[in-house]
Amino acid sequence: MLTTHQLDEAEHECDRIVIIDGGRAIANGSLAELVETTLGSRRRVRVTLDRPWQGPAPGGLRARGAILDGEIGRLGESLAEVLGSVSGAGYGVLDLQVEKASLHSVFLHLTGRELRE
């Protein structure tokens, strides 16, 4: 048994995880089970373009200058649609980041706040 506030440590060292908030257990399971029951298939993506995006952002993302970001579901299909729209509009992609689901993102989803020491 490991008791820790270090979510990265728990994510890598533990087969089963119990999340405690306010003195009570609010979720438990493997990392994969916790991700599936809280976040599902949604992933945060960030696409950096070669110039500022003009118009509505594709795929439900937000456009902030040359950056498109937000959450998408069905990663393979949705990301392909976003990149197809970007390419079809004549933009180049300078960088692409896909944030994997982590214990930290599960904790934020469940509690609505950062870890308190």
PDB file of N, CA and C in Angstrom:
ATOM      1  N   MET A   1       0.850  -1.163   0.000  1.00  0.00           N
ATOM      2  CA  MET A   1       0.000   0.000   0.000  1.00  0.00           C
ATOM      3  C   MET A   1       0.903   1.236   0.000  1.00  0.00           C
ATOM      4  N   LEU A   2       0.528   2.205  -0.802  1.00  0.00           N
ATOM      5  CA  LEU A   2       1.259   3.468  -0.906  1.00  0.00           C
ATOM      6  C   LEU A   2       0.278   4.604  -0.650  1.00  0.00           C
ATOM      7  N   THR A   3       0.634   5.497   0.245  1.00  0.00           N
ATOM      8  CA  THR A   3      -0.156   6.701   0.488  1.00  0.00           C
ATOM      9  C   THR A   3       0.693   7.878   0.025  1.00  0.00           C
ATOM     10  N   THR A   4       0.158   8.681  -0.913  1.00  0.00           N
ATOM     11  CA  THR A   4       0.954   9.775  -1.463  1.00  0.00           C
ATOM     12  C   THR A   4       0.074  10.869  -2.031  1.00  0.00           C
ATOM     13  N   HIS A   5       0.639  12.067  -2.076  1.00  0.00           N
ATOM     14  CA  HIS A   5       0.028  13.182  -2.793  1.00  0.00           C
ATOM     15  C   HIS A   5       0.659  13.321  -4.178  1.00  0.00           C
ATOM     16  N   GLN A   6       1.668  12.524  -4.451  1.00  0.00           N
ATOM     17  CA  GLN A   6       2.377  12.587  -5.732  1.00  0.00           C
ATOM     18  C   GLN A   6       1.626  11.720  -6.748  1.00  0.00           C
ATOM     19  N   LEU A   7       0.788  12.351  -7.547  1.00  0.00           N
ATOM     20  CA  LEU A   7      -0.055  11.600  -8.471  1.00  0.00           C
ATOM     21  C   LEU A   7       0.756  10.859  -9.520  1.00  0.00           C
ATOM     22  N   ASP A   8       1.862  11.438  -9.968  1.00  0.00           N
ATOM     23  CA  ASP A   8       2.720  10.740 -10.931  1.00  0.00           C
ATOM     24  C   ASP A   8       3.251   9.445 -10.339  1.00  0.00           C
ATOM     25  N   GLU A   9       3.665   9.491  -9.086  1.00  0.00           N
ATOM     26  CA  GLU A   9       4.177   8.308  -8.407  1.00  0.00           C
ATOM     27  C   GLU A   9       3.099   7.231  -8.313  1.00  0.00           C
ATOM     28  N   ALA A  10       1.912   7.612  -7.884  1.00  0.00           N
ATOM     29  CA  ALA A  10       0.813   6.659  -7.760  1.00  0.00           C
ATOM     30  C   ALA A  10       0.457   6.069  -9.121  1.00  0.00           C
ATOM     31  N   GLU A  11       0.446   6.909 -10.150  1.00  0.00           N
ATOM     32  CA  GLU A  11       0.105   6.455 -11.501  1.00  0.00           C
ATOM     33  C   GLU A  11       1.062   5.368 -11.986  1.00  0.00           C
ATOM     34  N   HIS A  12       2.346   5.516 -11.677  1.00  0.00           N
ATOM     35  CA  HIS A  12       3.359   4.581 -12.182  1.00  0.00           C
ATOM     36  C   HIS A  12       3.597   3.383 -11.279  1.00  0.00           C
ATOM     37  N   GLU A  13       3.306   3.515  -9.992  1.00  0.00           N
ATOM     38  CA  GLU A  13       3.658   2.461  -9.038  1.00  0.00           C
ATOM     39  C   GLU A  13       2.487   1.571  -8.624  1.00  0.00           C
ATOM     40  N   CYS A  14       1.262   2.020  -8.844  1.00  0.00           N
ATOM     41  CA  CYS A  14       0.117   1.308  -8.274  1.00  0.00           C
ATOM     42  C   CYS A  14      -0.749   0.643  -9.336  1.00  0.00           C
ATOM     43  N   ASP A  15      -1.200  -0.589  -9.016  1.00  0.00           N
ATOM     44  CA  ASP A  15      -2.135  -1.292  -9.891  1.00  0.00           C
ATOM     45  C   ASP A  15      -3.568  -0.832  -9.651  1.00  0.00           C
ATOM     46  N   ARG A  16      -3.878  -0.513  -8.406  1.00  0.00           N
ATOM     47  CA  ARG A  16      -5.206  -0.021  -8.033  1.00  0.00           C
ATOM     48  C   ARG A  16      -5.024   1.282  -7.283  1.00  0.00           C
ATOM     49  N   ILE A  17      -5.939   2.207  -7.519  1.00  0.00           N
ATOM     50  CA  ILE A  17      -5.830   3.551  -6.957  1.00  0.00           C
ATOM     51  C   ILE A  17      -7.159   3.917  -6.293  1.00  0.00           C
ATOM     52  N   VAL A  18      -7.075   4.521  -5.118  1.00  0.00           N
ATOM     53  CA  VAL A  18      -8.249   5.071  -4.444  1.00  0.00           C
ATOM     54  C   VAL A  18      -8.013   6.571  -4.332  1.00  0.00           C
ATOM     55  N   ILE A  19      -8.964   7.359  -4.827  1.00  0.00           N
ATOM     56  CA  ILE A  19      -8.875   8.813  -4.716  1.00  0.00           C
ATOM     57  C   ILE A  19      -9.728   9.242  -3.532  1.00  0.00           C
ATOM     58  N   ILE A  20      -9.088   9.951  -2.609  1.00  0.00           N
ATOM     59  CA  ILE A  20      -9.765  10.415  -1.397  1.00  0.00           C
ATOM     60  C   ILE A  20      -9.836  11.930  -1.447  1.00  0.00           C
ATOM     61  N   ASP A  21     -11.016  12.465  -1.217  1.00  0.00           N
ATOM     62  CA  ASP A  21     -11.218  13.916  -1.198  1.00  0.00           C
ATOM     63  C   ASP A  21     -12.113  14.251  -0.015  1.00  0.00           C
ATOM     64  N   GLY A  22     -11.663  15.193   0.784  1.00  0.00           N
ATOM     65  CA  GLY A  22     -12.450  15.587   1.942  1.00  0.00           C
ATOM     66  C   GLY A  22     -12.642  14.455   2.935  1.00  0.00           C
ATOM     67  N   GLY A  23     -11.674  13.539   2.999  1.00  0.00           N
ATOM     68  CA  GLY A  23     -11.736  12.454   3.958  1.00  0.00           C
ATOM     69  C   GLY A  23     -12.557  11.252   3.535  1.00  0.00           C
ATOM     70  N   ARG A  24     -13.076  11.249   2.301  1.00  0.00           N
ATOM     71  CA  ARG A  24     -13.842  10.077   1.870  1.00  0.00           C
ATOM     72  C   ARG A  24     -13.379   9.611   0.496  1.00  0.00           C
ATOM     73  N   ALA A  25     -13.459   8.318   0.281  1.00  0.00           N
ATOM     74  CA  ALA A  25     -13.082   7.726  -1.004  1.00  0.00           C
ATOM     75  C   ALA A  25     -14.146   8.092  -2.033  1.00  0.00           C
ATOM     76  N   ILE A  26     -13.713   8.731  -3.123  1.00  0.00           N
ATOM     77  CA  ILE A  26     -14.671   9.143  -4.149  1.00  0.00           C
ATOM     78  C   ILE A  26     -14.548   8.323  -5.429  1.00  0.00           C
ATOM     79  N   ALA A  27     -13.457   7.568  -5.575  1.00  0.00           N
ATOM     80  CA  ALA A  27     -13.289   6.710  -6.747  1.00  0.00           C
ATOM     81  C   ALA A  27     -12.190   5.709  -6.463  1.00  0.00           C
ATOM     82  N   ASN A  28     -12.286   4.549  -7.116  1.00  0.00           N
ATOM     83  CA  ASN A  28     -11.208   3.572  -7.006  1.00  0.00           C
ATOM     84  C   ASN A  28     -11.214   2.670  -8.222  1.00  0.00           C
ATOM     85  N   GLY A  29     -10.040   2.123  -8.522  1.00  0.00           N
ATOM     86  CA  GLY A  29      -9.879   1.215  -9.651  1.00  0.00           C
ATOM     87  C   GLY A  29      -8.486   1.342 -10.225  1.00  0.00           C
ATOM     88  N   SER A  30      -8.252   0.670 -11.332  1.00  0.00           N
ATOM     89  CA  SER A  30      -6.979   0.828 -12.037  1.00  0.00           C
ATOM     90  C   SER A  30      -6.991   2.187 -12.732  1.00  0.00           C
ATOM     91  N   LEU A  31      -5.831   2.645 -13.176  1.00  0.00           N
ATOM     92  CA  LEU A  31      -5.785   3.919 -13.901  1.00  0.00           C
ATOM     93  C   LEU A  31      -6.694   3.862 -15.125  1.00  0.00           C
ATOM     94  N   ALA A  32      -6.644   2.756 -15.865  1.00  0.00           N
ATOM     95  CA  ALA A  32      -7.489   2.623 -17.066  1.00  0.00           C
ATOM     96  C   ALA A  32      -8.972   2.695 -16.713  1.00  0.00           C
ATOM     97  N   GLU A  33      -9.376   2.052 -15.624  1.00  0.00           N
ATOM     98  CA  GLU A  33     -10.777   2.094 -15.195  1.00  0.00           C
ATOM     99  C   GLU A  33     -11.184   3.502 -14.780  1.00  0.00           C
ATOM    100  N   LEU A  34     -10.322   4.183 -14.037  1.00  0.00           N
ATOM    101  CA  LEU A  34     -10.635   5.551 -13.604  1.00  0.00           C
ATOM    102  C   LEU A  34     -10.749   6.491 -14.796  1.00  0.00           C
ATOM    103  N   VAL A  35      -9.850   6.345 -15.763  1.00  0.00           N
ATOM    104  CA  VAL A  35      -9.913   7.182 -16.968  1.00  0.00           C
ATOM    105  C   VAL A  35     -11.209   6.919 -17.723  1.00  0.00           C
ATOM    106  N   GLU A  36     -11.533   5.652 -17.929  1.00  0.00           N
ATOM    107  CA  GLU A  36     -12.724   5.298 -18.706  1.00  0.00           C
ATOM    108  C   GLU A  36     -14.004   5.803 -18.042  1.00  0.00           C
ATOM    109  N   THR A  37     -14.096   5.706 -16.710  1.00  0.00           N
ATOM    110  CA  THR A  37     -15.330   6.106 -16.026  1.00  0.00           C
ATOM    111  C   THR A  37     -15.437   7.617 -15.819  1.00  0.00           C
ATOM    112  N   THR A  38     -14.344   8.353 -15.980  1.00  0.00           N
ATOM    113  CA  THR A  38     -14.400   9.803 -15.777  1.00  0.00           C
ATOM    114  C   THR A  38     -14.221  10.576 -17.079  1.00  0.00           C
ATOM    115  N   LEU A  39     -13.144  10.332 -17.778  1.00  0.00           N
ATOM    116  CA  LEU A  39     -12.809  11.107 -18.965  1.00  0.00           C
ATOM    117  C   LEU A  39     -13.234  10.431 -20.259  1.00  0.00           C
ATOM    118  N   GLY A  40     -13.360   9.125 -20.233  1.00  0.00           N
ATOM    119  CA  GLY A  40     -13.703   8.386 -21.436  1.00  0.00           C
ATOM    120  C   GLY A  40     -12.611   8.529 -22.487  1.00  0.00           C
ATOM    121  N   SER A  41     -13.012   8.683 -23.724  1.00  0.00           N
ATOM    122  CA  SER A  41     -12.043   8.739 -24.820  1.00  0.00           C
ATOM    123  C   SER A  41     -11.590  10.159 -25.158  1.00  0.00           C
ATOM    124  N   ARG A  42     -12.019  11.142 -24.408  1.00  0.00           N
ATOM    125  CA  ARG A  42     -11.661  12.535 -24.704  1.00  0.00           C
ATOM    126  C   ARG A  42     -10.194  12.796 -24.388  1.00  0.00           C
ATOM    127  N   ARG A  43      -9.536  13.535 -25.265  1.00  0.00           N
ATOM    128  CA  ARG A  43      -8.137  13.903 -25.078  1.00  0.00           C
ATOM    129  C   ARG A  43      -7.968  15.381 -25.402  1.00  0.00           C
ATOM    130  N   ARG A  44      -7.069  16.036 -24.706  1.00  0.00           N
ATOM    131  CA  ARG A  44      -6.751  17.439 -24.977  1.00  0.00           C
ATOM    132  C   ARG A  44      -5.726  17.476 -26.096  1.00  0.00           C
ATOM    133  N   VAL A  45      -5.999  18.312 -27.102  1.00  0.00           N
ATOM    134  CA  VAL A  45      -5.063  18.474 -28.219  1.00  0.00           C
ATOM    135  C   VAL A  45      -4.711  19.943 -28.386  1.00  0.00           C
ATOM    136  N   ARG A  46      -3.537  20.159 -28.936  1.00  0.00           N
ATOM    137  CA  ARG A  46      -3.062  21.520 -29.224  1.00  0.00           C
ATOM    138  C   ARG A  46      -2.314  21.463 -30.555  1.00  0.00           C
ATOM    139  N   VAL A  47      -2.794  22.238 -31.521  1.00  0.00           N
ATOM    140  CA  VAL A  47      -2.192  22.281 -32.844  1.00  0.00           C
ATOM    141  C   VAL A  47      -1.620  23.681 -33.046  1.00  0.00           C
ATOM    142  N   THR A  48      -0.319  23.764 -33.314  1.00  0.00           N
ATOM    143  CA  THR A  48       0.324  25.047 -33.579  1.00  0.00           C
ATOM    144  C   THR A  48       0.476  25.191 -35.089  1.00  0.00           C
ATOM    145  N   LEU A  49      -0.086  26.271 -35.616  1.00  0.00           N
ATOM    146  CA  LEU A  49      -0.105  26.506 -37.066  1.00  0.00           C
ATOM    147  C   LEU A  49       0.997  27.468 -37.490  1.00  0.00           C
ATOM    148  N   ASP A  50       1.188  27.562 -38.789  1.00  0.00           N
ATOM    149  CA  ASP A  50       2.224  28.446 -39.322  1.00  0.00           C
ATOM    150  C   ASP A  50       1.793  29.913 -39.365  1.00  0.00           C
ATOM    151  N   ARG A  51       0.525  30.178 -39.072  1.00  0.00           N
ATOM    152  CA  ARG A  51       0.026  31.560 -38.991  1.00  0.00           C
ATOM    153  C   ARG A  51      -1.310  31.540 -38.249  1.00  0.00           C
ATOM    154  N   PRO A  52      -1.789  32.704 -37.794  1.00  0.00           N
ATOM    155  CA  PRO A  52      -3.049  32.746 -37.040  1.00  0.00           C
ATOM    156  C   PRO A  52      -4.233  32.205 -37.848  1.00  0.00           C
ATOM    157  N   TRP A  53      -5.063  31.437 -37.177  1.00  0.00           N
ATOM    158  CA  TRP A  53      -6.255  30.854 -37.789  1.00  0.00           C
ATOM    159  C   TRP A  53      -7.306  31.935 -37.983  1.00  0.00           C
ATOM    160  N   GLN A  54      -7.962  31.909 -39.119  1.00  0.00           N
ATOM    161  CA  GLN A  54      -9.035  32.849 -39.430  1.00  0.00           C
ATOM    162  C   GLN A  54     -10.355  32.093 -39.482  1.00  0.00           C
ATOM    163  N   GLY A  55     -11.359  32.585 -38.791  1.00  0.00           N
ATOM    164  CA  GLY A  55     -12.679  31.959 -38.823  1.00  0.00           C
ATOM    165  C   GLY A  55     -12.879  30.970 -37.691  1.00  0.00           C
ATOM    166  N   PRO A  56     -14.025  30.268 -37.740  1.00  0.00           N
ATOM    167  CA  PRO A  56     -14.327  29.276 -36.698  1.00  0.00           C
ATOM    168  C   PRO A  56     -13.322  28.124 -36.729  1.00  0.00           C
ATOM    169  N   ALA A  57     -12.905  27.695 -35.572  1.00  0.00           N
ATOM    170  CA  ALA A  57     -11.925  26.607 -35.484  1.00  0.00           C
ATOM    171  C   ALA A  57     -12.600  25.270 -35.818  1.00  0.00           C
ATOM    172  N   PRO A  58     -11.876  24.382 -36.450  1.00  0.00           N
ATOM    173  CA  PRO A  58     -12.448  23.075 -36.811  1.00  0.00           C
ATOM    174  C   PRO A  58     -12.554  22.137 -35.611  1.00  0.00           C
ATOM    175  N   GLY A  59     -13.459  21.181 -35.713  1.00  0.00           N
ATOM    176  CA  GLY A  59     -13.548  20.113 -34.729  1.00  0.00           C
ATOM    177  C   GLY A  59     -13.938  20.532 -33.324  1.00  0.00           C
ATOM    178  N   GLY A  60     -14.555  21.698 -33.168  1.00  0.00           N
ATOM    179  CA  GLY A  60     -14.952  22.150 -31.843  1.00  0.00           C
ATOM    180  C   GLY A  60     -13.804  22.684 -31.000  1.00  0.00           C
ATOM    181  N   LEU A  61     -12.644  22.881 -31.624  1.00  0.00           N
ATOM    182  CA  LEU A  61     -11.503  23.445 -30.896  1.00  0.00           C
ATOM    183  C   LEU A  61     -11.657  24.954 -30.783  1.00  0.00           C
ATOM    184  N   ARG A  62     -10.806  25.582 -29.977  1.00  0.00           N
ATOM    185  CA  ARG A  62     -10.754  27.042 -29.859  1.00  0.00           C
ATOM    186  C   ARG A  62      -9.554  27.534 -30.649  1.00  0.00           C
ATOM    187  N   ALA A  63      -9.707  28.675 -31.298  1.00  0.00           N
ATOM    188  CA  ALA A  63      -8.596  29.297 -32.007  1.00  0.00           C
ATOM    189  C   ALA A  63      -8.114  30.483 -31.193  1.00  0.00           C
ATOM    190  N   ARG A  64      -6.810  30.469 -30.881  1.00  0.00           N
ATOM    191  CA  ARG A  64      -6.171  31.585 -30.194  1.00  0.00           C
ATOM    192  C   ARG A  64      -4.925  31.906 -30.986  1.00  0.00           C
ATOM    193  N   GLY A  65      -5.057  32.837 -31.913  1.00  0.00           N
ATOM    194  CA  GLY A  65      -3.940  33.153 -32.793  1.00  0.00           C
ATOM    195  C   GLY A  65      -3.619  31.961 -33.662  1.00  0.00           C
ATOM    196  N   ALA A  66      -2.371  31.519 -33.604  1.00  0.00           N
ATOM    197  CA  ALA A  66      -1.930  30.386 -34.417  1.00  0.00           C
ATOM    198  C   ALA A  66      -2.083  29.051 -33.680  1.00  0.00           C
ATOM    199  N   ILE A  67      -2.831  29.039 -32.589  1.00  0.00           N
ATOM    200  CA  ILE A  67      -2.996  27.807 -31.817  1.00  0.00           C
ATOM    201  C   ILE A  67      -4.462  27.393 -31.793  1.00  0.00           C
ATOM    202  N   LEU A  68      -4.696  26.132 -32.126  1.00  0.00           N
ATOM    203  CA  LEU A  68      -6.006  25.520 -31.990  1.00  0.00           C
ATOM    204  C   LEU A  68      -5.889  24.549 -30.822  1.00  0.00           C
ATOM    205  N   ASP A  69      -6.794  24.657 -29.850  1.00  0.00           N
ATOM    206  CA  ASP A  69      -6.717  23.722 -28.734  1.00  0.00           C
ATOM    207  C   ASP A  69      -8.084  23.438 -28.160  1.00  0.00           C
ATOM    208  N   GLY A  70      -8.149  22.345 -27.425  1.00  0.00           N
ATOM    209  CA  GLY A  70      -9.382  21.924 -26.782  1.00  0.00           C
ATOM    210  C   GLY A  70      -9.414  20.425 -26.641  1.00  0.00           C
ATOM    211  N   GLU A  71     -10.575  19.902 -26.301  1.00  0.00           N
ATOM    212  CA  GLU A  71     -10.744  18.467 -26.123  1.00  0.00           C
ATOM    213  C   GLU A  71     -11.501  17.885 -27.301  1.00  0.00           C
ATOM    214  N   ILE A  72     -11.099  16.683 -27.674  1.00  0.00           N
ATOM    215  CA  ILE A  72     -11.798  15.957 -28.730  1.00  0.00           C
ATOM    216  C   ILE A  72     -12.043  14.533 -28.281  1.00  0.00           C
ATOM    217  N   GLY A  73     -13.082  13.930 -28.800  1.00  0.00           N
ATOM    218  CA  GLY A  73     -13.359  12.513 -28.577  1.00  0.00           C
ATOM    219  C   GLY A  73     -12.935  11.744 -29.820  1.00  0.00           C
ATOM    220  N   ARG A  74     -13.021  10.431 -29.766  1.00  0.00           N
ATOM    221  CA  ARG A  74     -12.650   9.596 -30.918  1.00  0.00           C
ATOM    222  C   ARG A  74     -11.357  10.104 -31.555  1.00  0.00           C
ATOM    223  N   LEU A  75     -10.287  10.023 -30.830  1.00  0.00           N
ATOM    224  CA  LEU A  75      -9.013  10.641 -31.194  1.00  0.00           C
ATOM    225  C   LEU A  75      -8.639  10.437 -32.660  1.00  0.00           C
ATOM    226  N   GLY A  76      -8.608   9.219 -33.133  1.00  0.00           N
ATOM    227  CA  GLY A  76      -8.189   8.954 -34.506  1.00  0.00           C
ATOM    228  C   GLY A  76      -9.042   9.670 -35.537  1.00  0.00           C
ATOM    229  N   GLU A  77     -10.347   9.557 -35.420  1.00  0.00           N
ATOM    230  CA  GLU A  77     -11.258  10.183 -36.378  1.00  0.00           C
ATOM    231  C   GLU A  77     -11.268  11.700 -36.246  1.00  0.00           C
ATOM    232  N   SER A  78     -11.417  12.192 -35.021  1.00  0.00           N
ATOM    233  CA  SER A  78     -11.534  13.635 -34.807  1.00  0.00           C
ATOM    234  C   SER A  78     -10.253  14.377 -35.178  1.00  0.00           C
ATOM    235  N   LEU A  79      -9.112  13.811 -34.812  1.00  0.00           N
ATOM    236  CA  LEU A  79      -7.851  14.457 -35.132  1.00  0.00           C
ATOM    237  C   LEU A  79      -7.627  14.488 -36.640  1.00  0.00           C
ATOM    238  N   ALA A  80      -7.983  13.402 -37.314  1.00  0.00           N
ATOM    239  CA  ALA A  80      -7.868  13.366 -38.777  1.00  0.00           C
ATOM    240  C   ALA A  80      -8.748  14.444 -39.418  1.00  0.00           C
ATOM    241  N   GLU A  81      -9.947  14.644 -38.878  1.00  0.00           N
ATOM    242  CA  GLU A  81     -10.846  15.686 -39.396  1.00  0.00           C
ATOM    243  C   GLU A  81     -10.253  17.078 -39.189  1.00  0.00           C
ATOM    244  N   VAL A  82      -9.711  17.332 -37.999  1.00  0.00           N
ATOM    245  CA  VAL A  82      -9.112  18.637 -37.703  1.00  0.00           C
ATOM    246  C   VAL A  82      -7.940  18.902 -38.631  1.00  0.00           C
ATOM    247  N   LEU A  83      -7.041  17.928 -38.743  1.00  0.00           N
ATOM    248  CA  LEU A  83      -5.862  18.124 -39.590  1.00  0.00           C
ATOM    249  C   LEU A  83      -6.243  18.248 -41.060  1.00  0.00           C
ATOM    250  N   GLY A  84      -7.272  17.530 -41.489  1.00  0.00           N
ATOM    251  CA  GLY A  84      -7.762  17.664 -42.860  1.00  0.00           C
ATOM    252  C   GLY A  84      -8.310  19.059 -43.122  1.00  0.00           C
ATOM    253  N   SER A  85      -9.042  19.607 -42.171  1.00  0.00           N
ATOM    254  CA  SER A  85      -9.591  20.963 -42.310  1.00  0.00           C
ATOM    255  C   SER A  85      -8.477  21.997 -42.356  1.00  0.00           C
ATOM    256  N   VAL A  86      -7.475  21.810 -41.499  1.00  0.00           N
ATOM    257  CA  VAL A  86      -6.343  22.734 -41.451  1.00  0.00           C
ATOM    258  C   VAL A  86      -5.591  22.711 -42.791  1.00  0.00           C
ATOM    259  N   SER A  87      -5.290  21.525 -43.258  1.00  0.00           N
ATOM    260  CA  SER A  87      -4.567  21.377 -44.526  1.00  0.00           C
ATOM    261  C   SER A  87      -5.400  21.898 -45.700  1.00  0.00           C
ATOM    262  N   GLY A  88      -6.681  21.572 -45.687  1.00  0.00           N
ATOM    263  CA  GLY A  88      -7.575  22.017 -46.751  1.00  0.00           C
ATOM    264  C   GLY A  88      -7.707  23.526 -46.817  1.00  0.00           C
ATOM    265  N   ALA A  89      -7.518  24.204 -45.688  1.00  0.00           N
ATOM    266  CA  ALA A  89      -7.599  25.667 -45.648  1.00  0.00           C
ATOM    267  C   ALA A  89      -6.250  26.307 -45.979  1.00  0.00           C
ATOM    268  N   GLY A  90      -5.237  25.481 -46.277  1.00  0.00           N
ATOM    269  CA  GLY A  90      -3.935  26.014 -46.685  1.00  0.00           C
ATOM    270  C   GLY A  90      -2.974  26.347 -45.555  1.00  0.00           C
ATOM    271  N   TYR A  91      -3.244  25.851 -44.357  1.00  0.00           N
ATOM    272  CA  TYR A  91      -2.365  26.114 -43.219  1.00  0.00           C
ATOM    273  C   TYR A  91      -1.356  24.980 -43.072  1.00  0.00           C
ATOM    274  N   GLY A  92      -0.205  25.313 -42.532  1.00  0.00           N
ATOM    275  CA  GLY A  92       0.794  24.308 -42.186  1.00  0.00           C
ATOM    276  C   GLY A  92       0.770  24.054 -40.693  1.00  0.00           C
ATOM    277  N   VAL A  93       1.088  22.844 -40.288  1.00  0.00           N
ATOM    278  CA  VAL A  93       1.141  22.472 -38.878  1.00  0.00           C
ATOM    279  C   VAL A  93       2.600  22.477 -38.435  1.00  0.00           C
ATOM    280  N   LEU A  94       2.915  23.310 -37.446  1.00  0.00           N
ATOM    281  CA  LEU A  94       4.270  23.379 -36.907  1.00  0.00           C
ATOM    282  C   LEU A  94       4.480  22.416 -35.750  1.00  0.00           C
ATOM    283  N   ASP A  95       3.408  22.146 -34.994  1.00  0.00           N
ATOM    284  CA  ASP A  95       3.528  21.254 -33.845  1.00  0.00           C
ATOM    285  C   ASP A  95       2.155  20.693 -33.519  1.00  0.00           C
ATOM    286  N   LEU A  96       2.154  19.502 -32.953  1.00  0.00           N
ATOM    287  CA  LEU A  96       0.918  18.848 -32.532  1.00  0.00           C
ATOM    288  C   LEU A  96       1.176  18.165 -31.206  1.00  0.00           C
ATOM    289  N   GLN A  97       0.331  18.439 -30.229  1.00  0.00           N
ATOM    290  CA  GLN A  97       0.447  17.804 -28.916  1.00  0.00           C
ATOM    291  C   GLN A  97      -0.878  17.149 -28.569  1.00  0.00           C
ATOM    292  N   VAL A  98      -0.796  15.920 -28.120  1.00  0.00           N
ATOM    293  CA  VAL A  98      -1.968  15.205 -27.624  1.00  0.00           C
ATOM    294  C   VAL A  98      -1.642  14.803 -26.195  1.00  0.00           C
ATOM    295  N   GLU A  99      -2.447  15.284 -25.268  1.00  0.00           N
ATOM    296  CA  GLU A  99      -2.215  15.003 -23.853  1.00  0.00           C
ATOM    297  C   GLU A  99      -2.922  13.712 -23.478  1.00  0.00           C
ATOM    298  N   LYS A 100      -2.153  12.749 -23.031  1.00  0.00           N
ATOM    299  CA  LYS A 100      -2.760  11.490 -22.608  1.00  0.00           C
ATOM    300  C   LYS A 100      -3.505  11.702 -21.302  1.00  0.00           C
ATOM    301  N   ALA A 101      -4.462  10.860 -21.072  1.00  0.00           N
ATOM    302  CA  ALA A 101      -5.195  10.922 -19.814  1.00  0.00           C
ATOM    303  C   ALA A 101      -4.275  10.494 -18.687  1.00  0.00           C
ATOM    304  N   SER A 102      -4.276  11.241 -17.616  1.00  0.00           N
ATOM    305  CA  SER A 102      -3.402  10.957 -16.484  1.00  0.00           C
ATOM    306  C   SER A 102      -4.223  10.923 -15.201  1.00  0.00           C
ATOM    307  N   LEU A 103      -3.604  10.445 -14.145  1.00  0.00           N
ATOM    308  CA  LEU A 103      -4.259  10.449 -12.846  1.00  0.00           C
ATOM    309  C   LEU A 103      -4.567  11.884 -12.413  1.00  0.00           C
ATOM    310  N   HIS A 104      -3.689  12.807 -12.774  1.00  0.00           N
ATOM    311  CA  HIS A 104      -3.915  14.224 -12.466  1.00  0.00           C
ATOM    312  C   HIS A 104      -5.196  14.723 -13.137  1.00  0.00           C
ATOM    313  N   SER A 105      -5.386  14.396 -14.426  1.00  0.00           N
ATOM    314  CA  SER A 105      -6.592  14.849 -15.125  1.00  0.00           C
ATOM    315  C   SER A 105      -7.839  14.182 -14.549  1.00  0.00           C
ATOM    316  N   VAL A 106      -7.741  12.928 -14.114  1.00  0.00           N
ATOM    317  CA  VAL A 106      -8.859  12.254 -13.459  1.00  0.00           C
ATOM    318  C   VAL A 106      -9.192  12.959 -12.142  1.00  0.00           C
ATOM    319  N   PHE A 107      -8.166  13.265 -11.344  1.00  0.00           N
ATOM    320  CA  PHE A 107      -8.369  13.939 -10.069  1.00  0.00           C
ATOM    321  C   PHE A 107      -9.067  15.288 -10.280  1.00  0.00           C
ATOM    322  N   LEU A 108      -8.597  16.069 -11.256  1.00  0.00           N
ATOM    323  CA  LEU A 108      -9.224  17.364 -11.539  1.00  0.00           C
ATOM    324  C   LEU A 108     -10.676  17.193 -11.950  1.00  0.00           C
ATOM    325  N   HIS A 109     -10.940  16.194 -12.766  1.00  0.00           N
ATOM    326  CA  HIS A 109     -12.308  15.949 -13.213  1.00  0.00           C
ATOM    327  C   HIS A 109     -13.219  15.600 -12.034  1.00  0.00           C
ATOM    328  N   LEU A 110     -12.724  14.768 -11.132  1.00  0.00           N
ATOM    329  CA  LEU A 110     -13.541  14.320 -10.002  1.00  0.00           C
ATOM    330  C   LEU A 110     -13.737  15.384  -8.931  1.00  0.00           C
ATOM    331  N   THR A 111     -12.704  16.163  -8.662  1.00  0.00           N
ATOM    332  CA  THR A 111     -12.772  17.114  -7.542  1.00  0.00           C
ATOM    333  C   THR A 111     -13.021  18.547  -7.992  1.00  0.00           C
ATOM    334  N   GLY A 112     -12.682  18.853  -9.237  1.00  0.00           N
ATOM    335  CA  GLY A 112     -12.851  20.212  -9.737  1.00  0.00           C
ATOM    336  C   GLY A 112     -11.783  21.171  -9.257  1.00  0.00           C
ATOM    337  N   ARG A 113     -10.718  20.645  -8.667  1.00  0.00           N
ATOM    338  CA  ARG A 113      -9.663  21.531  -8.157  1.00  0.00           C
ATOM    339  C   ARG A 113      -8.330  20.795  -8.112  1.00  0.00           C
ATOM    340  N   GLU A 114      -7.276  21.587  -8.016  1.00  0.00           N
ATOM    341  CA  GLU A 114      -5.899  21.062  -7.925  1.00  0.00           C
ATOM    342  C   GLU A 114      -5.695  20.336  -6.596  1.00  0.00           C
ATOM    343  N   LEU A 115      -4.702  19.471  -6.570  1.00  0.00           N
ATOM    344  CA  LEU A 115      -4.346  18.761  -5.357  1.00  0.00           C
ATOM    345  C   LEU A 115      -3.920  19.739  -4.279  1.00  0.00           C
ATOM    346  N   ARG A 116      -4.446  19.548  -3.087  1.00  0.00           N
ATOM    347  CA  ARG A 116      -4.064  20.389  -1.957  1.00  0.00           C
ATOM    348  C   ARG A 116      -3.132  19.603  -1.069  1.00  0.00           C
ATOM    349  N   GLU A 117      -2.055  20.226  -0.628  1.00  0.00           N
ATOM    350  CA  GLU A 117      -1.105  19.526   0.263  1.00  0.00           C
ATOM    351  C   GLU A 117      -1.611  19.526   1.679  1.00  0.00           C
TER     352      GLU A 117
END
